[in-house]
Amino acid sequence: MLFVPQGTRHAGTPQTRQRSVLICDPSRALCRTIAQIVNGLGVQAVAATDGSAAIRLGAMHAPDLVLHAENMPGLRAMDFLDAGLGHLLNRRALLVDRRARGLPRWLPVIKTPLEISRCQREIVELLHSMDQSG
């Protein structure tokens, strides 16, 4: 299932394209919460609750950042490559349970349950780091 959370801003023309974040998590409630946080930062949010929807939204919106659940059904890193979206692999962060262990150190992580101010700060930092890396 894919959806654009209520209150989400839509992308403009390519010259005025608004920054966007793709949220991929099987929990619709978590997607909505993160979308509200992202929208509060003035960034467009789109969300998917399954892997095929995430790939479609990734192709449609060319997001600046992809936040996805570690356990996202039907979504593996190779799926982005297979869909010609390999560039998104360098623009992603995992949404993981606070108790998770053994995570890859090279991949940014946002831990859940969310603390709103911390999540806002982490998303801003991730978007900034994506800007710096090109």
Protein backbone atom coordinates (compact mmCIF):
# COMPACT_ATOMS: atom_id res chain seq x y z
CA MET A 1 0.00 0.00 0.00
CA LEU A 2 1.25 3.48 -0.77
CA PHE A 3 -0.11 6.75 0.43
CA VAL A 4 0.68 10.40 0.74
CA PRO A 5 -0.13 11.30 4.33
CA GLN A 6 -2.76 13.98 4.87
CA GLY A 7 -1.27 17.45 4.98
CA THR A 8 1.72 16.42 2.86
CA ARG A 9 2.97 18.95 0.37
CA HIS A 10 3.31 17.82 -3.22
CA ALA A 11 6.39 18.27 -5.37
CA GLY A 12 6.52 21.30 -7.62
CA THR A 13 8.08 21.67 -11.03
CA PRO A 14 11.62 20.27 -11.43
CA GLN A 15 13.06 23.78 -11.02
CA THR A 16 11.23 24.32 -7.72
CA ARG A 17 11.13 20.73 -6.53
CA GLN A 18 10.59 20.51 -2.82
CA ARG A 19 12.84 18.23 -0.82
CA SER A 20 11.22 14.91 0.00
CA VAL A 21 11.53 11.93 2.30
CA LEU A 22 10.25 8.44 1.48
CA ILE A 23 9.10 6.58 4.60
CA CYS A 24 8.91 2.78 4.29
CA ASP A 25 7.48 0.92 7.26
CA PRO A 26 4.78 -1.74 7.60
CA SER A 27 3.19 0.34 10.38
CA ARG A 28 0.84 2.90 8.89
CA ALA A 29 0.73 4.71 12.26
CA LEU A 30 4.53 5.06 12.37
CA CYS A 31 4.53 6.30 8.75
CA ARG A 32 1.95 8.96 9.66
CA THR A 33 3.91 10.07 12.73
CA ILE A 34 7.17 10.40 10.82
CA ALA A 35 5.35 12.15 7.94
CA GLN A 36 4.02 14.74 10.40
CA ILE A 37 7.53 15.30 11.72
CA VAL A 38 8.94 15.61 8.19
CA ASN A 39 6.15 17.97 7.10
CA GLY A 40 6.81 20.09 10.18
CA LEU A 41 10.31 20.60 8.83
CA GLY A 42 8.87 21.90 5.54
CA VAL A 43 9.81 18.73 3.67
CA GLN A 44 7.46 16.61 1.55
CA ALA A 45 6.72 13.14 2.94
CA VAL A 46 5.51 10.10 1.04
CA ALA A 47 5.03 6.72 2.67
CA ALA A 48 4.76 3.07 1.74
CA THR A 49 3.76 0.11 3.87
CA ASP A 50 5.15 -2.54 1.51
CA GLY A 51 8.21 -3.00 -0.68
CA SER A 52 6.62 -2.71 -4.12
CA ALA A 53 4.94 0.57 -3.15
CA ALA A 54 8.27 1.85 -1.80
CA ILE A 55 9.97 1.15 -5.13
CA ARG A 56 7.16 2.89 -7.08
CA LEU A 57 7.28 5.95 -4.81
CA GLY A 58 11.08 6.01 -5.01
CA ALA A 59 10.85 6.17 -8.79
CA MET A 60 8.04 8.77 -8.79
CA HIS A 61 9.42 11.17 -6.19
CA ALA A 62 13.23 10.81 -6.36
CA PRO A 63 13.44 11.36 -2.58
CA ASP A 64 16.30 13.15 -0.89
CA LEU A 65 16.17 10.62 1.95
CA VAL A 66 14.70 7.12 2.37
CA LEU A 67 13.77 5.99 5.88
CA HIS A 68 12.92 2.30 5.93
CA ALA A 69 12.20 -0.37 8.48
CA GLU A 70 14.88 -2.96 8.96
CA ASN A 71 12.16 -5.60 8.61
CA MET A 72 10.26 -4.01 5.70
CA PRO A 73 8.28 -6.73 3.91
CA GLY A 74 9.30 -7.15 0.29
CA LEU A 75 12.09 -4.56 0.35
CA ARG A 76 15.77 -5.42 0.05
CA ALA A 77 18.64 -3.22 -1.04
CA MET A 78 18.81 -5.19 -4.29
CA ASP A 79 15.23 -4.18 -5.09
CA PHE A 80 16.37 -0.56 -5.46
CA LEU A 81 19.18 -1.68 -7.79
CA ASP A 82 16.86 -3.91 -9.83
CA ALA A 83 14.46 -0.98 -10.29
CA GLY A 84 17.24 1.33 -11.50
CA LEU A 85 17.18 3.27 -8.23
CA GLY A 86 20.64 2.37 -6.96
CA HIS A 87 21.35 6.03 -6.16
CA LEU A 88 18.81 5.77 -3.33
CA LEU A 89 21.01 3.24 -1.52
CA ASN A 90 23.29 6.08 -0.46
CA ARG A 91 20.34 8.17 0.72
CA ARG A 92 18.80 5.83 3.26
CA ALA A 93 18.58 5.29 6.98
CA LEU A 94 17.07 2.43 8.93
CA LEU A 95 14.10 2.74 11.27
CA VAL A 96 14.84 0.22 14.02
CA ASP A 97 13.54 -0.75 17.42
CA ARG A 98 15.51 0.91 20.20
CA ARG A 99 16.50 -2.56 21.50
CA ALA A 100 17.98 -3.72 18.17
CA ARG A 101 21.55 -4.98 18.25
CA GLY A 102 24.14 -5.90 15.64
CA LEU A 103 23.21 -3.15 13.17
CA PRO A 104 25.56 -2.18 10.35
CA ARG A 105 27.71 0.71 11.50
CA TRP A 106 27.88 2.29 8.04
CA LEU A 107 24.13 2.84 7.78
CA PRO A 108 22.45 5.72 9.68
CA VAL A 109 19.75 4.64 12.13
CA ILE A 110 16.68 6.31 13.66
CA LYS A 111 15.46 4.39 16.67
CA THR A 112 11.81 3.84 17.56
CA PRO A 113 9.69 4.49 19.48
CA LEU A 114 10.27 8.05 18.40
CA GLU A 115 11.08 11.04 20.52
CA ILE A 116 9.76 13.87 18.37
CA SER A 117 12.51 16.44 18.93
CA ARG A 118 15.25 13.83 18.55
CA CYS A 119 13.68 12.48 15.37
CA GLN A 120 13.43 16.01 13.92
CA ARG A 121 17.08 16.66 14.71
CA GLU A 122 18.19 13.33 13.20
CA ILE A 123 16.22 13.90 9.99
CA VAL A 124 17.65 17.41 9.61
CA GLU A 125 21.16 16.01 10.14
CA LEU A 126 20.56 13.21 7.62
CA LEU A 127 19.25 15.62 4.99
CA HIS A 128 22.23 17.89 5.59
CA SER A 129 24.66 14.97 5.25
CA MET A 130 22.94 13.94 2.01
CA ASP A 131 23.48 17.50 0.70
CA GLN A 132 27.16 17.32 1.63
CA SER A 133 27.70 13.95 -0.08
CA GLY A 134 26.23 15.17 -3.33
